[in-house]
């Protein structure tokens, strides 16, 4: 059974939240795949992960970089998992592949986008029906995460 987490972004945008979640995953020894909704968003996330902090970067790559199997974090807009990741992040309304082979699936969605909210609700129902263990987190006014379900 895969642990599936839903992160409802209300205060901080994806660009502020994703790098921290990836850092925590890598610190735990997990390899990650980040699946975005489009190739353009993959490119934007690629740039972000090189520049999000002056004193750090997240080791990552895309198909264009080659050696996908060696990447600690692999960015894609498709269902592949070439680096044998145990955690799959789904952003920008990306359609999830079967998550049963992952230790953890993470949906990050914009709480101000009605279509993203509708997609998240549909994914919640599908993940629950698939028998995964679900957790729902929402950003509070102070930017911290509150467990809601």
N, C-alpha and C. Protein backbone atom coordinates (compact mmCIF):
# COMPACT_ATOMS: atom_id res chain seq x y z
N UNK A 1 0.83 -1.18 0.00
CA UNK A 1 0.00 0.00 0.00
C UNK A 1 0.88 1.25 0.00
N UNK A 2 0.56 2.18 -0.85
CA UNK A 2 1.31 3.42 -0.98
C UNK A 2 0.72 4.48 -0.06
N UNK A 3 1.57 5.22 0.60
CA UNK A 3 1.14 6.38 1.37
C UNK A 3 0.98 7.54 0.39
N UNK A 4 -0.21 8.12 0.31
CA UNK A 4 -0.47 9.21 -0.63
C UNK A 4 -0.83 10.45 0.16
N UNK A 5 -0.07 11.52 -0.08
CA UNK A 5 -0.28 12.78 0.62
C UNK A 5 -0.79 13.84 -0.35
N UNK A 6 -1.74 14.62 0.11
CA UNK A 6 -2.29 15.73 -0.66
C UNK A 6 -1.91 17.02 0.05
N UNK A 7 -1.23 17.92 -0.66
CA UNK A 7 -0.83 19.21 -0.11
C UNK A 7 -1.60 20.31 -0.81
N UNK A 8 -2.50 20.95 -0.05
CA UNK A 8 -3.38 22.01 -0.53
C UNK A 8 -2.67 23.33 -0.31
N UNK A 9 -2.14 23.91 -1.39
CA UNK A 9 -1.36 25.14 -1.31
C UNK A 9 -2.29 26.34 -1.24
N UNK A 10 -2.19 27.11 -0.16
CA UNK A 10 -3.04 28.28 0.02
C UNK A 10 -2.22 29.57 0.16
N UNK A 11 -1.09 29.50 0.81
CA UNK A 11 -0.30 30.70 1.12
C UNK A 11 0.97 30.74 0.28
N UNK A 12 1.77 29.72 0.39
CA UNK A 12 3.03 29.65 -0.37
C UNK A 12 2.78 28.91 -1.67
N UNK A 13 3.40 29.38 -2.75
CA UNK A 13 3.22 28.71 -4.04
C UNK A 13 4.09 27.46 -4.16
N UNK A 14 3.82 26.69 -5.18
CA UNK A 14 4.57 25.47 -5.47
C UNK A 14 6.07 25.72 -5.47
N UNK A 15 6.49 26.83 -6.05
CA UNK A 15 7.92 27.14 -6.17
C UNK A 15 8.61 27.29 -4.83
N UNK A 16 7.86 27.60 -3.78
CA UNK A 16 8.43 27.69 -2.44
C UNK A 16 8.32 26.39 -1.67
N UNK A 17 7.33 25.58 -1.99
CA UNK A 17 7.06 24.35 -1.23
C UNK A 17 7.83 23.15 -1.77
N UNK A 18 7.83 22.97 -3.08
CA UNK A 18 8.42 21.77 -3.69
C UNK A 18 9.89 21.56 -3.31
N UNK A 19 10.77 22.57 -3.41
CA UNK A 19 12.17 22.30 -3.06
C UNK A 19 12.36 21.76 -1.64
N UNK A 20 11.63 22.28 -0.68
CA UNK A 20 11.76 21.79 0.69
C UNK A 20 11.31 20.35 0.84
N UNK A 21 10.21 20.00 0.17
CA UNK A 21 9.75 18.61 0.22
C UNK A 21 10.75 17.67 -0.45
N UNK A 22 11.34 18.11 -1.53
CA UNK A 22 12.36 17.29 -2.20
C UNK A 22 13.60 17.13 -1.32
N UNK A 23 14.02 18.21 -0.67
CA UNK A 23 15.17 18.13 0.24
C UNK A 23 14.92 17.11 1.34
N UNK A 24 13.73 17.15 1.93
CA UNK A 24 13.40 16.20 3.01
C UNK A 24 13.38 14.77 2.49
N UNK A 25 12.89 14.58 1.29
CA UNK A 25 12.85 13.23 0.70
C UNK A 25 14.27 12.71 0.46
N UNK A 26 15.12 13.54 -0.11
CA UNK A 26 16.51 13.11 -0.36
C UNK A 26 17.24 12.84 0.95
N UNK A 27 16.97 13.64 1.98
CA UNK A 27 17.60 13.43 3.29
C UNK A 27 17.22 12.06 3.87
N UNK A 28 16.06 11.55 3.50
CA UNK A 28 15.62 10.23 3.95
C UNK A 28 16.15 9.11 3.06
N UNK A 29 16.91 9.47 2.05
CA UNK A 29 17.47 8.46 1.16
C UNK A 29 16.55 8.04 0.02
N UNK A 30 15.49 8.79 -0.19
CA UNK A 30 14.54 8.45 -1.24
C UNK A 30 14.92 9.11 -2.56
N UNK A 31 14.74 8.38 -3.64
CA UNK A 31 14.84 8.95 -4.98
C UNK A 31 13.44 9.44 -5.34
N UNK A 32 13.37 10.49 -6.14
CA UNK A 32 12.07 11.11 -6.45
C UNK A 32 11.89 11.32 -7.95
N UNK A 33 10.63 11.25 -8.36
CA UNK A 33 10.22 11.69 -9.69
C UNK A 33 9.23 12.83 -9.45
N UNK A 34 9.42 13.92 -10.18
CA UNK A 34 8.46 15.02 -10.16
C UNK A 34 7.79 15.04 -11.52
N UNK A 35 6.49 14.80 -11.52
CA UNK A 35 5.72 14.80 -12.76
C UNK A 35 4.90 16.08 -12.83
N UNK A 36 5.19 16.90 -13.84
CA UNK A 36 4.47 18.15 -14.06
C UNK A 36 3.42 17.95 -15.14
N UNK A 37 2.56 18.94 -15.28
CA UNK A 37 1.48 18.85 -16.25
C UNK A 37 1.88 19.11 -17.68
N UNK A 38 3.10 19.64 -17.90
CA UNK A 38 3.55 19.94 -19.26
C UNK A 38 5.08 19.98 -19.32
N UNK A 39 5.60 19.88 -20.51
CA UNK A 39 7.06 19.97 -20.72
C UNK A 39 7.57 21.35 -20.29
N UNK A 40 6.79 22.39 -20.56
CA UNK A 40 7.20 23.75 -20.18
C UNK A 40 7.34 23.88 -18.67
N UNK A 41 6.43 23.28 -17.92
CA UNK A 41 6.53 23.34 -16.47
C UNK A 41 7.73 22.53 -15.97
N UNK A 42 8.05 21.43 -16.64
CA UNK A 42 9.26 20.68 -16.29
C UNK A 42 10.49 21.57 -16.43
N UNK A 43 10.54 22.31 -17.51
CA UNK A 43 11.67 23.22 -17.73
C UNK A 43 11.73 24.30 -16.66
N UNK A 44 10.57 24.84 -16.28
CA UNK A 44 10.54 25.86 -15.24
C UNK A 44 11.00 25.29 -13.90
N UNK A 45 10.56 24.09 -13.57
CA UNK A 45 10.97 23.44 -12.32
C UNK A 45 12.46 23.11 -12.36
N UNK A 46 12.94 22.69 -13.51
CA UNK A 46 14.37 22.44 -13.69
C UNK A 46 15.17 23.69 -13.33
N UNK A 47 14.78 24.83 -13.87
CA UNK A 47 15.47 26.09 -13.55
C UNK A 47 15.34 26.43 -12.08
N UNK A 48 14.17 26.25 -11.52
CA UNK A 48 13.93 26.55 -10.11
C UNK A 48 14.87 25.76 -9.21
N UNK A 49 15.03 24.47 -9.47
CA UNK A 49 15.84 23.62 -8.59
C UNK A 49 17.32 23.97 -8.62
N UNK A 50 17.76 24.69 -9.66
CA UNK A 50 19.15 25.16 -9.69
C UNK A 50 19.31 26.47 -8.94
N UNK A 51 18.22 27.24 -8.79
CA UNK A 51 18.36 28.61 -8.31
C UNK A 51 17.52 28.97 -7.09
N UNK A 52 16.79 28.03 -6.50
CA UNK A 52 15.84 28.38 -5.45
C UNK A 52 16.49 28.92 -4.19
N UNK A 53 17.77 28.61 -3.97
CA UNK A 53 18.52 29.14 -2.83
C UNK A 53 19.93 29.46 -3.28
N UNK A 54 20.50 30.50 -2.71
CA UNK A 54 21.86 30.87 -3.07
C UNK A 54 22.89 29.86 -2.58
N UNK A 55 22.60 29.19 -1.47
CA UNK A 55 23.60 28.31 -0.85
C UNK A 55 23.36 26.82 -1.12
N UNK A 56 22.42 26.49 -2.04
CA UNK A 56 22.14 25.08 -2.27
C UNK A 56 21.48 24.89 -3.64
N UNK A 57 21.47 23.65 -4.08
CA UNK A 57 20.70 23.25 -5.25
C UNK A 57 20.31 21.80 -5.02
N UNK A 58 19.31 21.37 -5.74
CA UNK A 58 18.89 19.98 -5.64
C UNK A 58 19.40 19.22 -6.85
N UNK A 59 20.15 18.14 -6.65
CA UNK A 59 20.62 17.35 -7.78
C UNK A 59 19.43 16.72 -8.50
N UNK A 60 19.35 16.98 -9.78
CA UNK A 60 18.20 16.53 -10.56
C UNK A 60 18.54 16.51 -12.04
N UNK A 61 17.63 15.94 -12.82
CA UNK A 61 17.82 15.93 -14.26
C UNK A 61 16.53 15.63 -14.99
N UNK A 62 16.62 15.77 -16.30
CA UNK A 62 15.50 15.49 -17.20
C UNK A 62 15.99 14.56 -18.30
N UNK A 63 15.11 14.18 -19.18
CA UNK A 63 15.50 13.36 -20.33
C UNK A 63 16.63 14.03 -21.11
N UNK A 64 16.56 15.34 -21.23
CA UNK A 64 17.57 16.08 -21.99
C UNK A 64 18.96 15.97 -21.39
N UNK A 65 19.04 15.75 -20.08
CA UNK A 65 20.34 15.66 -19.41
C UNK A 65 21.00 14.30 -19.56
N UNK A 66 20.21 13.27 -19.90
CA UNK A 66 20.76 11.92 -19.99
C UNK A 66 20.98 11.32 -18.61
N UNK A 67 21.39 10.07 -18.60
CA UNK A 67 21.68 9.35 -17.36
C UNK A 67 20.52 9.42 -16.36
N UNK A 68 19.32 9.26 -16.86
CA UNK A 68 18.12 9.36 -16.02
C UNK A 68 18.18 8.42 -14.83
N UNK A 69 18.75 7.23 -15.02
CA UNK A 69 18.80 6.24 -13.94
C UNK A 69 19.66 6.69 -12.77
N UNK A 70 20.55 7.66 -12.99
CA UNK A 70 21.46 8.12 -11.94
C UNK A 70 20.94 9.36 -11.21
N UNK A 71 19.84 9.92 -11.65
CA UNK A 71 19.35 11.17 -11.07
C UNK A 71 18.62 10.93 -9.74
N UNK A 72 19.00 11.63 -8.68
CA UNK A 72 18.27 11.52 -7.42
C UNK A 72 16.83 12.05 -7.55
N UNK A 73 16.66 13.10 -8.36
CA UNK A 73 15.36 13.68 -8.66
C UNK A 73 15.24 13.76 -10.18
N UNK A 74 14.20 13.15 -10.71
CA UNK A 74 13.98 13.14 -12.16
C UNK A 74 12.71 13.92 -12.45
N UNK A 75 12.79 14.85 -13.40
CA UNK A 75 11.66 15.69 -13.79
C UNK A 75 11.08 15.20 -15.11
N UNK A 76 9.75 15.09 -15.16
CA UNK A 76 9.10 14.57 -16.36
C UNK A 76 7.69 15.14 -16.48
N UNK A 77 7.11 14.97 -17.65
CA UNK A 77 5.68 15.24 -17.81
C UNK A 77 4.95 13.95 -18.20
N UNK A 78 5.63 12.83 -18.03
CA UNK A 78 5.05 11.53 -18.38
C UNK A 78 5.05 10.56 -17.22
N UNK A 79 4.65 9.31 -17.47
CA UNK A 79 4.50 8.32 -16.40
C UNK A 79 5.77 7.54 -16.04
N UNK A 80 6.88 7.77 -16.73
CA UNK A 80 8.07 6.94 -16.53
C UNK A 80 8.70 7.15 -15.15
N UNK A 81 9.49 6.16 -14.76
CA UNK A 81 10.23 6.18 -13.49
C UNK A 81 11.62 5.60 -13.74
N UNK A 82 12.45 6.29 -14.53
CA UNK A 82 13.74 5.72 -14.93
C UNK A 82 14.79 5.67 -13.83
N UNK A 83 14.60 6.42 -12.74
CA UNK A 83 15.58 6.42 -11.66
C UNK A 83 15.15 5.54 -10.49
N UNK A 84 14.15 4.69 -10.71
CA UNK A 84 13.63 3.78 -9.68
C UNK A 84 13.26 4.54 -8.41
N UNK A 85 12.57 5.66 -8.58
CA UNK A 85 12.16 6.50 -7.46
C UNK A 85 11.17 5.76 -6.57
N UNK A 86 11.23 6.07 -5.28
CA UNK A 86 10.26 5.53 -4.35
C UNK A 86 9.19 6.56 -3.99
N UNK A 87 9.40 7.83 -4.42
CA UNK A 87 8.44 8.89 -4.17
C UNK A 87 8.12 9.58 -5.49
N UNK A 88 6.83 9.76 -5.74
CA UNK A 88 6.39 10.46 -6.96
C UNK A 88 5.61 11.69 -6.55
N UNK A 89 6.09 12.86 -7.00
CA UNK A 89 5.41 14.13 -6.79
C UNK A 89 4.61 14.44 -8.05
N UNK A 90 3.37 14.86 -7.87
CA UNK A 90 2.50 15.23 -8.99
C UNK A 90 2.09 16.68 -8.80
N UNK A 91 2.47 17.52 -9.77
CA UNK A 91 2.21 18.95 -9.68
C UNK A 91 1.53 19.43 -10.95
N UNK A 92 0.92 20.60 -10.84
CA UNK A 92 0.29 21.24 -12.01
C UNK A 92 -0.73 20.34 -12.70
N UNK A 93 -1.51 19.66 -11.90
CA UNK A 93 -2.62 18.83 -12.39
C UNK A 93 -2.15 17.67 -13.26
N UNK A 94 -0.96 17.18 -13.01
CA UNK A 94 -0.45 16.02 -13.76
C UNK A 94 -1.32 14.80 -13.46
N UNK A 95 -1.58 14.01 -14.49
CA UNK A 95 -2.37 12.78 -14.34
C UNK A 95 -1.48 11.68 -13.78
N UNK A 96 -1.83 11.12 -12.63
CA UNK A 96 -0.94 10.14 -12.01
C UNK A 96 -0.95 8.80 -12.73
N UNK A 97 0.22 8.16 -12.78
CA UNK A 97 0.25 6.76 -13.21
C UNK A 97 -0.17 5.90 -12.02
N UNK A 98 -0.11 4.61 -12.17
CA UNK A 98 -0.37 3.70 -11.04
C UNK A 98 0.70 3.97 -9.98
N UNK A 99 0.27 4.28 -8.77
CA UNK A 99 1.21 4.62 -7.70
C UNK A 99 1.55 3.43 -6.81
N UNK A 100 1.04 2.25 -7.12
CA UNK A 100 1.23 1.10 -6.22
C UNK A 100 2.69 0.66 -6.08
N UNK A 101 3.54 1.02 -7.01
CA UNK A 101 4.96 0.62 -6.90
C UNK A 101 5.80 1.62 -6.10
N UNK A 102 5.19 2.71 -5.66
CA UNK A 102 5.90 3.74 -4.91
C UNK A 102 5.66 3.60 -3.42
N UNK A 103 6.62 4.05 -2.63
CA UNK A 103 6.44 4.12 -1.19
C UNK A 103 5.50 5.28 -0.84
N UNK A 104 5.62 6.36 -1.62
CA UNK A 104 4.84 7.55 -1.34
C UNK A 104 4.48 8.27 -2.64
N UNK A 105 3.26 8.76 -2.70
CA UNK A 105 2.80 9.64 -3.78
C UNK A 105 2.41 10.96 -3.15
N UNK A 106 2.76 12.07 -3.81
CA UNK A 106 2.51 13.39 -3.24
C UNK A 106 1.85 14.27 -4.29
N UNK A 107 0.62 14.67 -4.04
CA UNK A 107 -0.10 15.61 -4.90
C UNK A 107 0.03 17.00 -4.30
N UNK A 108 0.51 17.96 -5.09
CA UNK A 108 0.55 19.35 -4.66
C UNK A 108 -0.37 20.13 -5.58
N UNK A 109 -1.33 20.85 -5.00
CA UNK A 109 -2.29 21.54 -5.85
C UNK A 109 -2.62 22.93 -5.31
N UNK A 110 -2.91 23.84 -6.22
CA UNK A 110 -3.19 25.23 -5.93
C UNK A 110 -4.62 25.37 -5.41
N UNK A 111 -4.76 25.78 -4.18
CA UNK A 111 -6.06 25.92 -3.56
C UNK A 111 -6.89 27.07 -4.10
N UNK A 112 -6.30 27.92 -4.94
CA UNK A 112 -7.02 29.05 -5.52
C UNK A 112 -7.50 28.74 -6.94
N UNK A 113 -7.22 27.55 -7.42
CA UNK A 113 -7.60 27.15 -8.78
C UNK A 113 -8.73 26.12 -8.68
N UNK A 114 -9.95 26.50 -9.07
CA UNK A 114 -11.09 25.58 -8.96
C UNK A 114 -10.89 24.26 -9.72
N UNK A 115 -10.24 24.31 -10.88
CA UNK A 115 -10.00 23.08 -11.64
C UNK A 115 -9.00 22.18 -10.92
N UNK A 116 -7.98 22.78 -10.32
CA UNK A 116 -7.01 21.99 -9.56
C UNK A 116 -7.67 21.35 -8.34
N UNK A 117 -8.57 22.08 -7.69
CA UNK A 117 -9.31 21.51 -6.55
C UNK A 117 -10.18 20.35 -6.99
N UNK A 118 -10.87 20.50 -8.11
CA UNK A 118 -11.72 19.42 -8.62
C UNK A 118 -10.88 18.20 -8.97
N UNK A 119 -9.72 18.41 -9.60
CA UNK A 119 -8.83 17.30 -9.92
C UNK A 119 -8.36 16.60 -8.65
N UNK A 120 -7.99 17.39 -7.63
CA UNK A 120 -7.50 16.81 -6.38
C UNK A 120 -8.58 15.96 -5.72
N UNK A 121 -9.81 16.43 -5.75
CA UNK A 121 -10.91 15.65 -5.18
C UNK A 121 -11.09 14.32 -5.93
N UNK A 122 -11.01 14.39 -7.26
CA UNK A 122 -11.14 13.17 -8.06
C UNK A 122 -9.99 12.21 -7.78
N UNK A 123 -8.77 12.75 -7.64
CA UNK A 123 -7.61 11.89 -7.35
C UNK A 123 -7.74 11.28 -5.95
N UNK A 124 -8.26 12.05 -5.00
CA UNK A 124 -8.48 11.53 -3.65
C UNK A 124 -9.39 10.31 -3.71
N UNK A 125 -10.51 10.44 -4.42
CA UNK A 125 -11.47 9.34 -4.53
C UNK A 125 -10.83 8.12 -5.20
N UNK A 126 -10.07 8.37 -6.25
CA UNK A 126 -9.43 7.26 -6.97
C UNK A 126 -8.37 6.58 -6.11
N UNK A 127 -7.58 7.35 -5.38
CA UNK A 127 -6.54 6.77 -4.53
C UNK A 127 -7.16 6.00 -3.37
N UNK A 128 -8.25 6.51 -2.82
CA UNK A 128 -8.95 5.81 -1.74
C UNK A 128 -9.52 4.49 -2.26
N UNK A 129 -10.13 4.53 -3.45
CA UNK A 129 -10.70 3.32 -4.04
C UNK A 129 -9.61 2.30 -4.34
N UNK A 130 -8.40 2.77 -4.63
CA UNK A 130 -7.28 1.86 -4.92
C UNK A 130 -6.69 1.27 -3.64
N UNK A 131 -7.16 1.73 -2.48
CA UNK A 131 -6.71 1.16 -1.22
C UNK A 131 -5.47 1.79 -0.62
N UNK A 132 -5.06 2.96 -1.13
CA UNK A 132 -3.88 3.62 -0.59
C UNK A 132 -4.21 4.32 0.74
N UNK A 133 -3.18 4.54 1.53
CA UNK A 133 -3.31 5.26 2.80
C UNK A 133 -3.21 6.76 2.49
N UNK A 134 -4.25 7.53 2.79
CA UNK A 134 -4.31 8.94 2.39
C UNK A 134 -4.16 9.89 3.57
N UNK A 135 -3.49 11.02 3.30
CA UNK A 135 -3.36 12.10 4.27
C UNK A 135 -3.54 13.41 3.51
N UNK A 136 -4.27 14.33 4.13
CA UNK A 136 -4.54 15.63 3.51
C UNK A 136 -3.98 16.73 4.39
N UNK A 137 -3.13 17.59 3.80
CA UNK A 137 -2.51 18.70 4.51
C UNK A 137 -2.92 20.00 3.83
N UNK A 138 -3.22 21.02 4.65
CA UNK A 138 -3.57 22.32 4.11
C UNK A 138 -2.71 23.38 4.77
N UNK A 139 -2.29 24.38 3.99
CA UNK A 139 -1.50 25.47 4.55
C UNK A 139 -2.40 26.37 5.39
N UNK A 140 -1.92 26.70 6.59
CA UNK A 140 -2.61 27.64 7.46
C UNK A 140 -2.16 29.06 7.10
N UNK A 141 -2.77 30.04 7.71
CA UNK A 141 -2.43 31.45 7.45
C UNK A 141 -0.95 31.74 7.67
N UNK A 142 -0.33 31.05 8.62
CA UNK A 142 1.09 31.27 8.92
C UNK A 142 2.01 30.50 7.97
N UNK A 143 1.43 29.77 7.01
CA UNK A 143 2.22 29.03 6.05
C UNK A 143 2.57 27.62 6.49
N UNK A 144 2.29 27.29 7.74
CA UNK A 144 2.57 25.94 8.24
C UNK A 144 1.49 24.97 7.76
N UNK A 145 1.84 23.68 7.78
CA UNK A 145 0.91 22.66 7.33
C UNK A 145 0.06 22.16 8.48
N UNK A 146 -1.25 22.05 8.22
CA UNK A 146 -2.17 21.47 9.18
C UNK A 146 -2.77 20.21 8.58
N UNK A 147 -2.71 19.13 9.35
CA UNK A 147 -3.30 17.87 8.89
C UNK A 147 -4.80 17.98 9.04
N UNK A 148 -5.52 17.78 7.93
CA UNK A 148 -6.98 17.91 7.92
C UNK A 148 -7.68 16.56 7.80
N UNK A 149 -7.00 15.59 7.26
CA UNK A 149 -7.60 14.25 7.12
C UNK A 149 -6.50 13.21 6.97
